[in-house]
């Protein structure tokens, strides 16, 4: 059924006259008559009683007219809902984030995004970065924030934040007085790292190997705060992003810059390649990537 034919029929029914309806909708009377005739032929009923001077709806015509009112009310609602959506997204977004990244950034993301889009709910799904990559690929989450690099054949990658790794140690450590430390100076230290399922586990090991040694790993944990507690207990040292220090409440933990070279922590947002992103997801991506030139402005740093 051509929706235009239905609309034209309803206008004739409203005016009870082809001539008046033709003038109202700016369509020639022959064209209007053909539109109504097409609709009658398609539905196999007569819509008007043409035996009287003023057109009257047949019983079938009344049914078609009443249903037509519902159709056009639904279309009007649809337009209004889509307009609301385009101006104020709604729905739920599942974000895959490793615990460390979630601790550092998710509260600020949720707070600031909610100010702009209060009808969008953000659900945090926490796993190690390796598992986050799998959940994005499987479509279990809408987007993920991970440590780069990522496979750009499988994912669309949006740069997010880049910062340096630093050396975390107890204030009594023999290197604690230094203004900077080269990574190869840590080759005899006992390292405390994230568990194997975390990208940072592999990343730190690779950075050490690039510096010419395999690190001695004394402890592994999936919790960044436990890693810090182990360092505070003088059970080893660790290498973590600089921004974690702002979350600490340990007077006996010190951070020291790493030099020659300075390892960097680069985060990216990934979505499934060629996957559908809802309007709400697109707004979140726009919100996050708009801070790229000054990313820490979003987090009040």
C-alpha atoms as a PDB file:
ATOM      1  CA  UNK A   1       0.000   0.000   0.000  1.00  0.00           C
ATOM      2  CA  UNK A   2       1.264   3.434  -0.968  1.00  0.00           C
ATOM      3  CA  UNK A   3       1.040   5.621   2.142  1.00  0.00           C
ATOM      4  CA  UNK A   4       0.376   8.634  -0.094  1.00  0.00           C
ATOM      5  CA  UNK A   5      -2.752   7.018  -1.514  1.00  0.00           C
ATOM      6  CA  UNK A   6      -4.011   6.427   2.024  1.00  0.00           C
ATOM      7  CA  UNK A   7      -3.322  10.036   2.957  1.00  0.00           C
ATOM      8  CA  UNK A   8      -5.109  11.310  -0.155  1.00  0.00           C
ATOM      9  CA  UNK A   9      -8.129   9.097   0.559  1.00  0.00           C
ATOM     10  CA  UNK A  10      -8.328  10.454   4.114  1.00  0.00           C
ATOM     11  CA  UNK A  11      -8.258  14.046   2.882  1.00  0.00           C
ATOM     12  CA  UNK A  12     -11.153  13.339   0.522  1.00  0.00           C
ATOM     13  CA  UNK A  13     -13.011  11.773   3.451  1.00  0.00           C
ATOM     14  CA  UNK A  14     -12.324  14.866   5.569  1.00  0.00           C
ATOM     15  CA  UNK A  15     -13.526  17.260   2.865  1.00  0.00           C
ATOM     16  CA  UNK A  16     -16.316  14.944   1.589  1.00  0.00           C
ATOM     17  CA  UNK A  17     -15.512  16.316  -1.838  1.00  0.00           C
ATOM     18  CA  UNK A  18     -12.823  15.575  -4.433  1.00  0.00           C
ATOM     19  CA  UNK A  19     -12.632  19.174  -5.595  1.00  0.00           C
ATOM     20  CA  UNK A  20     -12.053  20.627  -2.127  1.00  0.00           C
ATOM     21  CA  UNK A  21      -9.547  17.908  -1.271  1.00  0.00           C
ATOM     22  CA  UNK A  22      -7.697  18.532  -4.530  1.00  0.00           C
ATOM     23  CA  UNK A  23      -7.351  22.215  -3.642  1.00  0.00           C
ATOM     24  CA  UNK A  24      -6.235  21.477  -0.089  1.00  0.00           C
ATOM     25  CA  UNK A  25      -3.419  19.093  -0.976  1.00  0.00           C
ATOM     26  CA  UNK A  26      -2.517  20.815  -4.263  1.00  0.00           C
ATOM     27  CA  UNK A  27      -3.071  17.725  -6.384  1.00  0.00           C
ATOM     28  CA  UNK A  28      -5.161  17.646  -9.563  1.00  0.00           C
ATOM     29  CA  UNK A  29      -8.590  16.107  -9.237  1.00  0.00           C
ATOM     30  CA  UNK A  30      -7.904  13.357 -11.844  1.00  0.00           C
ATOM     31  CA  UNK A  31      -4.713  12.374  -9.962  1.00  0.00           C
ATOM     32  CA  UNK A  32      -6.599  12.369  -6.668  1.00  0.00           C
ATOM     33  CA  UNK A  33      -9.349  10.204  -8.116  1.00  0.00           C
ATOM     34  CA  UNK A  34      -6.767   7.739  -9.434  1.00  0.00           C
ATOM     35  CA  UNK A  35      -5.107   7.563  -5.983  1.00  0.00           C
ATOM     36  CA  UNK A  36      -8.405   6.652  -4.305  1.00  0.00           C
ATOM     37  CA  UNK A  37      -9.214   4.182  -7.093  1.00  0.00           C
ATOM     38  CA  UNK A  38      -5.808   2.460  -6.655  1.00  0.00           C
ATOM     39  CA  UNK A  39      -6.467   2.077  -2.945  1.00  0.00           C
ATOM     40  CA  UNK A  40      -9.932   0.609  -3.581  1.00  0.00           C
ATOM     41  CA  UNK A  41      -8.560  -1.850  -6.119  1.00  0.00           C
ATOM     42  CA  UNK A  42      -5.761  -2.910  -3.783  1.00  0.00           C
ATOM     43  CA  UNK A  43      -8.111  -3.426  -0.838  1.00  0.00           C
ATOM     44  CA  UNK A  44     -10.874  -4.848  -3.079  1.00  0.00           C
ATOM     45  CA  UNK A  45     -13.566  -2.647  -1.484  1.00  0.00           C
ATOM     46  CA  UNK A  46     -15.447   0.547  -2.256  1.00  0.00           C
ATOM     47  CA  UNK A  47     -14.432   3.331   0.100  1.00  0.00           C
ATOM     48  CA  UNK A  48     -17.040   5.951  -0.831  1.00  0.00           C
ATOM     49  CA  UNK A  49     -20.740   5.900  -1.523  1.00  0.00           C
ATOM     50  CA  UNK A  50     -20.789   7.921  -4.722  1.00  0.00           C
ATOM     51  CA  UNK A  51     -24.566   7.776  -5.196  1.00  0.00           C
ATOM     52  CA  UNK A  52     -25.154  10.891  -3.105  1.00  0.00           C
ATOM     53  CA  UNK A  53     -24.257  14.496  -3.793  1.00  0.00           C
ATOM     54  CA  UNK A  54     -21.888  14.637  -0.810  1.00  0.00           C
ATOM     55  CA  UNK A  55     -19.403  11.781  -0.533  1.00  0.00           C
ATOM     56  CA  UNK A  56     -20.015   9.427   2.363  1.00  0.00           C
ATOM     57  CA  UNK A  57     -17.785   6.653   3.601  1.00  0.00           C
ATOM     58  CA  UNK A  58     -18.939   3.096   3.157  1.00  0.00           C
ATOM     59  CA  UNK A  59     -18.615   0.719   6.112  1.00  0.00           C
ATOM     60  CA  UNK A  60     -15.309  -0.456   4.606  1.00  0.00           C
ATOM     61  CA  UNK A  61     -14.292   3.162   4.103  1.00  0.00           C
ATOM     62  CA  UNK A  62     -14.917   3.918   7.780  1.00  0.00           C
ATOM     63  CA  UNK A  63     -12.682   1.013   8.808  1.00  0.00           C
ATOM     64  CA  UNK A  64      -9.907   2.117   6.468  1.00  0.00           C
ATOM     65  CA  UNK A  65     -10.232   5.722   7.647  1.00  0.00           C
ATOM     66  CA  UNK A  66     -10.077   4.817  11.355  1.00  0.00           C
ATOM     67  CA  UNK A  67      -7.081   2.570  10.813  1.00  0.00           C
ATOM     68  CA  UNK A  68      -5.480   5.300   8.721  1.00  0.00           C
ATOM     69  CA  UNK A  69      -5.793   7.696  11.667  1.00  0.00           C
ATOM     70  CA  UNK A  70      -3.878   5.166  13.791  1.00  0.00           C
ATOM     71  CA  UNK A  71      -1.233   4.723  11.105  1.00  0.00           C
ATOM     72  CA  UNK A  72      -0.541   8.446  10.807  1.00  0.00           C
ATOM     73  CA  UNK A  73      -0.585   8.925  14.591  1.00  0.00           C
ATOM     74  CA  UNK A  74       2.013   6.146  14.864  1.00  0.00           C
ATOM     75  CA  UNK A  75       4.142   7.762  12.163  1.00  0.00           C
ATOM     76  CA  UNK A  76       3.884  11.077  13.976  1.00  0.00           C
ATOM     77  CA  UNK A  77       4.968   9.423  17.237  1.00  0.00           C
ATOM     78  CA  UNK A  78       7.828   7.720  15.407  1.00  0.00           C
ATOM     79  CA  UNK A  79       9.068  11.035  14.059  1.00  0.00           C
ATOM     80  CA  UNK A  80       8.843  12.620  17.505  1.00  0.00           C
ATOM     81  CA  UNK A  81      10.672   9.722  19.165  1.00  0.00           C
ATOM     82  CA  UNK A  82      13.452   9.801  16.592  1.00  0.00           C
ATOM     83  CA  UNK A  83      13.710  13.552  16.982  1.00  0.00           C
ATOM     84  CA  UNK A  84      14.029  13.103  20.743  1.00  0.00           C
ATOM     85  CA  UNK A  85      16.651  10.425  20.188  1.00  0.00           C
ATOM     86  CA  UNK A  86      18.714  12.644  17.916  1.00  0.00           C
ATOM     87  CA  UNK A  87      18.606  15.429  20.474  1.00  0.00           C
ATOM     88  CA  UNK A  88      18.793  13.390  23.656  1.00  0.00           C
ATOM     89  CA  UNK A  89      20.022   9.783  23.274  1.00  0.00           C
ATOM     90  CA  UNK A  90      18.496   7.056  25.400  1.00  0.00           C
ATOM     91  CA  UNK A  91      19.374   3.453  26.142  1.00  0.00           C
ATOM     92  CA  UNK A  92      22.185   1.501  27.730  1.00  0.00           C
ATOM     93  CA  UNK A  93      25.836   1.249  26.755  1.00  0.00           C
ATOM     94  CA  UNK A  94      28.052  -1.619  27.884  1.00  0.00           C
ATOM     95  CA  UNK A  95      31.672  -0.541  28.257  1.00  0.00           C
ATOM     96  CA  UNK A  96      34.432  -3.115  28.667  1.00  0.00           C
ATOM     97  CA  UNK A  97      37.243  -1.735  30.838  1.00  0.00           C
ATOM     98  CA  UNK A  98      40.140  -3.398  32.680  1.00  0.00           C
ATOM     99  CA  UNK A  99      39.881  -2.733  36.452  1.00  0.00           C
ATOM    100  CA  UNK A 100      42.812  -0.317  36.542  1.00  0.00           C
ATOM    101  CA  UNK A 101      41.443   1.813  33.705  1.00  0.00           C
ATOM    102  CA  UNK A 102      37.983   1.620  35.243  1.00  0.00           C
ATOM    103  CA  UNK A 103      39.265   2.883  38.594  1.00  0.00           C
ATOM    104  CA  UNK A 104      41.124   5.771  37.017  1.00  0.00           C
ATOM    105  CA  UNK A 105      38.620   6.989  34.481  1.00  0.00           C
ATOM    106  CA  UNK A 106      35.154   5.415  34.612  1.00  0.00           C
ATOM    107  CA  UNK A 107      33.748   7.474  37.529  1.00  0.00           C
ATOM    108  CA  UNK A 108      34.625  10.684  35.683  1.00  0.00           C
ATOM    109  CA  UNK A 109      33.295   9.368  32.364  1.00  0.00           C
ATOM    110  CA  UNK A 110      30.003   8.354  33.983  1.00  0.00           C
ATOM    111  CA  UNK A 111      29.607  11.634  35.852  1.00  0.00           C
ATOM    112  CA  UNK A 112      30.411  13.966  32.966  1.00  0.00           C
ATOM    113  CA  UNK A 113      28.517  11.964  30.331  1.00  0.00           C
ATOM    114  CA  UNK A 114      25.443  11.809  32.580  1.00  0.00           C
ATOM    115  CA  UNK A 115      25.374  15.612  32.714  1.00  0.00           C
ATOM    116  CA  UNK A 116      24.905  15.738  28.950  1.00  0.00           C
ATOM    117  CA  UNK A 117      22.878  12.557  28.395  1.00  0.00           C
ATOM    118  CA  UNK A 118      20.984  11.654  31.596  1.00  0.00           C
ATOM    119  CA  UNK A 119      18.774   9.089  29.837  1.00  0.00           C
ATOM    120  CA  UNK A 120      21.714   6.903  28.823  1.00  0.00           C
ATOM    121  CA  UNK A 121      22.791   4.239  31.337  1.00  0.00           C
ATOM    122  CA  UNK A 122      26.434   3.127  31.329  1.00  0.00           C
ATOM    123  CA  UNK A 123      27.171  -0.446  32.388  1.00  0.00           C
ATOM    124  CA  UNK A 124      30.764  -1.211  33.357  1.00  0.00           C
ATOM    125  CA  UNK A 125      32.058  -4.672  32.400  1.00  0.00           C
ATOM    126  CA  UNK A 126      35.439  -5.281  34.042  1.00  0.00           C
ATOM    127  CA  UNK A 127      37.936  -7.819  32.713  1.00  0.00           C
ATOM    128  CA  UNK A 128      41.589  -7.903  31.773  1.00  0.00           C
ATOM    129  CA  UNK A 129      42.317  -6.161  28.478  1.00  0.00           C
ATOM    130  CA  UNK A 130      42.785  -9.456  26.628  1.00  0.00           C
ATOM    131  CA  UNK A 131      39.279 -10.549  27.600  1.00  0.00           C
ATOM    132  CA  UNK A 132      37.868  -7.092  26.841  1.00  0.00           C
ATOM    133  CA  UNK A 133      39.181  -7.430  23.293  1.00  0.00           C
ATOM    134  CA  UNK A 134      37.360 -10.751  22.967  1.00  0.00           C
ATOM    135  CA  UNK A 135      34.091  -9.361  24.358  1.00  0.00           C
ATOM    136  CA  UNK A 136      34.151  -6.452  21.884  1.00  0.00           C
ATOM    137  CA  UNK A 137      34.810  -8.855  19.013  1.00  0.00           C
ATOM    138  CA  UNK A 138      31.949 -11.108  20.162  1.00  0.00           C
ATOM    139  CA  UNK A 139      29.577  -8.140  20.501  1.00  0.00           C
ATOM    140  CA  UNK A 140      29.061  -8.657  24.236  1.00  0.00           C
ATOM    141  CA  UNK A 141      29.980  -5.026  24.930  1.00  0.00           C
ATOM    142  CA  UNK A 142      29.467  -1.933  22.774  1.00  0.00           C
ATOM    143  CA  UNK A 143      32.998  -0.635  23.148  1.00  0.00           C
ATOM    144  CA  UNK A 144      36.153  -1.291  25.101  1.00  0.00           C
ATOM    145  CA  UNK A 145      38.958   0.840  26.500  1.00  0.00           C
ATOM    146  CA  UNK A 146      42.246  -1.039  26.261  1.00  0.00           C
ATOM    147  CA  UNK A 147      45.988  -0.629  26.171  1.00  0.00           C
ATOM    148  CA  UNK A 148      47.077  -0.202  22.565  1.00  0.00           C
ATOM    149  CA  UNK A 149      47.984  -1.497  20.060  1.00  0.00           C
ATOM    150  CA  UNK A 150      44.853  -3.245  18.794  1.00  0.00           C
ATOM    151  CA  UNK A 151      44.198  -5.235  15.632  1.00  0.00           C
ATOM    152  CA  UNK A 152      42.838  -2.600  13.242  1.00  0.00           C
ATOM    153  CA  UNK A 153      41.603  -5.310  10.878  1.00  0.00           C
ATOM    154  CA  UNK A 154      39.092  -6.341  13.543  1.00  0.00           C
ATOM    155  CA  UNK A 155      38.455  -3.066  15.348  1.00  0.00           C
ATOM    156  CA  UNK A 156      37.919   0.612  14.755  1.00  0.00           C
ATOM    157  CA  UNK A 157      40.398   2.304  17.095  1.00  0.00           C
ATOM    158  CA  UNK A 158      39.980   5.746  18.644  1.00  0.00           C
ATOM    159  CA  UNK A 159      42.963   7.279  20.503  1.00  0.00           C
ATOM    160  CA  UNK A 160      42.064   8.097  24.092  1.00  0.00           C
ATOM    161  CA  UNK A 161      44.889   8.851  26.538  1.00  0.00           C
ATOM    162  CA  UNK A 162      48.660   8.631  26.501  1.00  0.00           C
ATOM    163  CA  UNK A 163      50.870   8.955  29.560  1.00  0.00           C
ATOM    164  CA  UNK A 164      54.141   7.661  30.946  1.00  0.00           C
ATOM    165  CA  UNK A 165      54.886   4.634  33.071  1.00  0.00           C
ATOM    166  CA  UNK A 166      56.805   5.319  36.281  1.00  0.00           C
ATOM    167  CA  UNK A 167      58.704   3.272  38.839  1.00  0.00           C
ATOM    168  CA  UNK A 168      56.799   2.669  42.108  1.00  0.00           C
ATOM    169  CA  UNK A 169      58.796   1.748  45.175  1.00  0.00           C
ATOM    170  CA  UNK A 170      58.958   2.027  48.955  1.00  0.00           C
ATOM    171  CA  UNK A 171      60.544   5.218  50.279  1.00  0.00           C
ATOM    172  CA  UNK A 172      63.285   3.115  51.943  1.00  0.00           C
ATOM    173  CA  UNK A 173      64.386   1.569  48.632  1.00  0.00           C
ATOM    174  CA  UNK A 174      67.981   2.303  47.658  1.00  0.00           C
ATOM    175  CA  UNK A 175      66.807   4.055  44.457  1.00  0.00           C
ATOM    176  CA  UNK A 176      64.073   6.090  46.145  1.00  0.00           C
ATOM    177  CA  UNK A 177      66.250   9.211  46.364  1.00  0.00           C
ATOM    178  CA  UNK A 178      66.863   9.303  42.612  1.00  0.00           C
ATOM    179  CA  UNK A 179      65.246  11.902  40.334  1.00  0.00           C
ATOM    180  CA  UNK A 180      65.028   9.340  37.512  1.00  0.00           C
ATOM    181  CA  UNK A 181      65.918   5.698  36.857  1.00  0.00           C
ATOM    182  CA  UNK A 182      66.759   3.774  33.696  1.00  0.00           C
ATOM    183  CA  UNK A 183      64.758   0.609  33.247  1.00  0.00           C
ATOM    184  CA  UNK A 184      67.886  -1.530  32.983  1.00  0.00           C
ATOM    185  CA  UNK A 185      68.837  -0.434  36.510  1.00  0.00           C
ATOM    186  CA  UNK A 186      65.897  -2.496  37.757  1.00  0.00           C
ATOM    187  CA  UNK A 187      67.107  -5.825  36.377  1.00  0.00           C
ATOM    188  CA  UNK A 188      67.964  -7.187  39.838  1.00  0.00           C
ATOM    189  CA  UNK A 189      64.675  -6.112  41.410  1.00  0.00           C
ATOM    190  CA  UNK A 190      61.690  -8.295  42.267  1.00  0.00           C
ATOM    191  CA  UNK A 191      58.728  -7.195  40.189  1.00  0.00           C
ATOM    192  CA  UNK A 192      55.075  -7.235  41.215  1.00  0.00           C
ATOM    193  CA  UNK A 193      52.896  -7.337  38.100  1.00  0.00           C
ATOM    194  CA  UNK A 194      49.342  -7.749  36.958  1.00  0.00           C
ATOM    195  CA  UNK A 195      48.163 -11.308  36.258  1.00  0.00           C
ATOM    196  CA  UNK A 196      48.784 -12.961  32.885  1.00  0.00           C
ATOM    197  CA  UNK A 197      45.297 -12.091  31.580  1.00  0.00           C
ATOM    198  CA  UNK A 198      46.164  -8.385  31.679  1.00  0.00           C
ATOM    199  CA  UNK A 199      47.859  -6.603  28.809  1.00  0.00           C
ATOM    200  CA  UNK A 200      50.025  -4.674  31.277  1.00  0.00           C
ATOM    201  CA  UNK A 201      51.596  -7.977  32.374  1.00  0.00           C
ATOM    202  CA  UNK A 202      52.936  -8.635  28.864  1.00  0.00           C
ATOM    203  CA  UNK A 203      53.715  -4.971  28.277  1.00  0.00           C
ATOM    204  CA  UNK A 204      56.010  -4.573  31.299  1.00  0.00           C
ATOM    205  CA  UNK A 205      57.815  -7.815  30.527  1.00  0.00           C
ATOM    206  CA  UNK A 206      58.375  -6.634  26.945  1.00  0.00           C
ATOM    207  CA  UNK A 207      59.663  -3.247  28.130  1.00  0.00           C
ATOM    208  CA  UNK A 208      62.149  -5.040  30.397  1.00  0.00           C
ATOM    209  CA  UNK A 209      63.286  -7.293  27.570  1.00  0.00           C
ATOM    210  CA  UNK A 210      63.757  -4.244  25.365  1.00  0.00           C
ATOM    211  CA  UNK A 211      66.035  -2.946  28.116  1.00  0.00           C
ATOM    212  CA  UNK A 212      68.054  -6.177  28.009  1.00  0.00           C
ATOM    213  CA  UNK A 213      66.701  -8.380  30.795  1.00  0.00           C
ATOM    214  CA  UNK A 214      63.876 -10.693  31.842  1.00  0.00           C
ATOM    215  CA  UNK A 215      62.261  -9.424  35.037  1.00  0.00           C
ATOM    216  CA  UNK A 216      62.110 -11.562  38.155  1.00  0.00           C
ATOM    217  CA  UNK A 217      58.429 -11.712  39.079  1.00  0.00           C
ATOM    218  CA  UNK A 218      57.740 -12.250  42.774  1.00  0.00           C
ATOM    219  CA  UNK A 219      53.962 -11.651  42.809  1.00  0.00           C
ATOM    220  CA  UNK A 220      51.056 -11.269  40.400  1.00  0.00           C
ATOM    221  CA  UNK A 221      47.627  -9.826  41.083  1.00  0.00           C
ATOM    222  CA  UNK A 222      44.502  -8.761  39.233  1.00  0.00           C
ATOM    223  CA  UNK A 223      44.064  -5.828  41.651  1.00  0.00           C
ATOM    224  CA  UNK A 224      46.167  -2.695  41.279  1.00  0.00           C
ATOM    225  CA  UNK A 225      45.607  -1.665  44.902  1.00  0.00           C
ATOM    226  CA  UNK A 226      46.928  -5.040  46.118  1.00  0.00           C
ATOM    227  CA  UNK A 227      50.005  -4.550  43.952  1.00  0.00           C
ATOM    228  CA  UNK A 228      50.579  -1.214  45.686  1.00  0.00           C
ATOM    229  CA  UNK A 229      50.068  -2.823  49.113  1.00  0.00           C
ATOM    230  CA  UNK A 230      52.729  -5.416  48.276  1.00  0.00           C
ATOM    231  CA  UNK A 231      55.121  -2.638  47.255  1.00  0.00           C
ATOM    232  CA  UNK A 232      54.285  -0.823  50.495  1.00  0.00           C
ATOM    233  CA  UNK A 233      55.156  -4.039  52.364  1.00  0.00           C
ATOM    234  CA  UNK A 234      58.590  -3.932  50.648  1.00  0.00           C
ATOM    235  CA  UNK A 235      57.988  -7.192  48.819  1.00  0.00           C
ATOM    236  CA  UNK A 236      59.027  -5.792  45.463  1.00  0.00           C
ATOM    237  CA  UNK A 237      58.692  -2.913  43.021  1.00  0.00           C
ATOM    238  CA  UNK A 238      56.310  -2.252  40.192  1.00  0.00           C
ATOM    239  CA  UNK A 239      55.867  -0.183  37.058  1.00  0.00           C
ATOM    240  CA  UNK A 240      52.486   1.424  36.551  1.00  0.00           C
ATOM    241  CA  UNK A 241      50.989   4.499  34.866  1.00  0.00           C
ATOM    242  CA  UNK A 242      51.808   7.796  36.538  1.00  0.00           C
ATOM    243  CA  UNK A 243      48.175   8.757  37.155  1.00  0.00           C
ATOM    244  CA  UNK A 244      47.669   5.898  39.633  1.00  0.00           C
ATOM    245  CA  UNK A 245      49.714   7.863  42.177  1.00  0.00           C
ATOM    246  CA  UNK A 246      46.793  10.302  42.535  1.00  0.00           C
ATOM    247  CA  UNK A 247      44.681   7.417  43.848  1.00  0.00           C
ATOM    248  CA  UNK A 248      47.157   6.331  46.515  1.00  0.00           C
ATOM    249  CA  UNK A 249      46.967   6.910  50.229  1.00  0.00           C
ATOM    250  CA  UNK A 250      50.471   5.691  51.075  1.00  0.00           C
ATOM    251  CA  UNK A 251      53.020   8.103  52.482  1.00  0.00           C
ATOM    252  CA  UNK A 252      55.704   5.431  52.084  1.00  0.00           C
ATOM    253  CA  UNK A 253      55.228   4.937  48.321  1.00  0.00           C
ATOM    254  CA  UNK A 254      57.292   6.980  45.914  1.00  0.00           C
ATOM    255  CA  UNK A 255      57.206   7.275  42.146  1.00  0.00           C
ATOM    256  CA  UNK A 256      60.306   7.916  40.069  1.00  0.00           C
ATOM    257  CA  UNK A 257      60.338   8.743  36.342  1.00  0.00           C
ATOM    258  CA  UNK A 258      61.810   6.156  33.967  1.00  0.00           C
ATOM    259  CA  UNK A 259      64.223   7.417  31.325  1.00  0.00           C
ATOM    260  CA  UNK A 260      66.260   6.205  28.354  1.00  0.00           C
ATOM    261  CA  UNK A 261      63.638   5.469  27.136  1.00  0.00           C
ATOM    262  CA  UNK A 262      60.454   6.478  28.946  1.00  0.00           C
ATOM    263  CA  UNK A 263      57.853   3.705  28.496  1.00  0.00           C
ATOM    264  CA  UNK A 264      54.458   5.082  27.538  1.00  0.00           C
ATOM    265  CA  UNK A 265      50.961   3.866  28.347  1.00  0.00           C
ATOM    266  CA  UNK A 266      48.639   4.513  25.429  1.00  0.00           C
ATOM    267  CA  UNK A 267      44.944   3.772  25.770  1.00  0.00           C
ATOM    268  CA  UNK A 268      42.484   3.461  22.958  1.00  0.00           C
ATOM    269  CA  UNK A 269      38.756   2.942  22.545  1.00  0.00           C
ATOM    270  CA  UNK A 270      37.807   0.041  20.301  1.00  0.00           C
ATOM    271  CA  UNK A 271      34.558  -0.933  18.594  1.00  0.00           C
ATOM    272  CA  UNK A 272      33.930  -3.910  16.364  1.00  0.00           C
ATOM    273  CA  UNK A 273      34.937  -3.229  12.777  1.00  0.00           C
ATOM    274  CA  UNK A 274      31.891  -2.548  10.623  1.00  0.00           C
ATOM    275  CA  UNK A 275      29.620  -3.196  13.628  1.00  0.00           C
ATOM    276  CA  UNK A 276      26.538  -1.076  14.278  1.00  0.00           C
ATOM    277  CA  UNK A 277      26.933   1.699  16.836  1.00  0.00           C
ATOM    278  CA  UNK A 278      23.702   3.037  18.306  1.00  0.00           C
ATOM    279  CA  UNK A 279      23.167   6.784  18.426  1.00  0.00           C
ATOM    280  CA  UNK A 280      23.937   6.708  22.173  1.00  0.00           C
ATOM    281  CA  UNK A 281      27.227   4.878  21.531  1.00  0.00           C
ATOM    282  CA  UNK A 282      28.163   7.379  18.838  1.00  0.00           C
ATOM    283  CA  UNK A 283      27.516  10.217  21.276  1.00  0.00           C
ATOM    284  CA  UNK A 284      29.723   8.547  23.899  1.00  0.00           C
ATOM    285  CA  UNK A 285      32.523   8.087  21.358  1.00  0.00           C
ATOM    286  CA  UNK A 286      32.165  11.716  20.330  1.00  0.00           C
ATOM    287  CA  UNK A 287      32.227  12.740  24.001  1.00  0.00           C
ATOM    288  CA  UNK A 288      35.375  10.740  24.772  1.00  0.00           C
ATOM    289  CA  UNK A 289      37.361  11.561  21.650  1.00  0.00           C
ATOM    290  CA  UNK A 290      36.546  15.271  21.838  1.00  0.00           C
ATOM    291  CA  UNK A 291      39.021  15.463  24.744  1.00  0.00           C
ATOM    292  CA  UNK A 292      41.883  13.997  22.712  1.00  0.00           C
ATOM    293  CA  UNK A 293      43.869  17.239  22.475  1.00  0.00           C
ATOM    294  CA  UNK A 294      43.614  17.769  26.219  1.00  0.00           C
ATOM    295  CA  UNK A 295      42.369  14.406  27.552  1.00  0.00           C
ATOM    296  CA  UNK A 296      42.948  15.099  31.233  1.00  0.00           C
ATOM    297  CA  UNK A 297      40.637  18.084  31.070  1.00  0.00           C
ATOM    298  CA  UNK A 298      37.815  15.570  31.200  1.00  0.00           C
ATOM    299  CA  UNK A 299      39.101  14.143  34.451  1.00  0.00           C
ATOM    300  CA  UNK A 300      39.874  17.399  36.173  1.00  0.00           C
ATOM    301  CA  UNK A 301      43.647  17.027  36.028  1.00  0.00           C
END
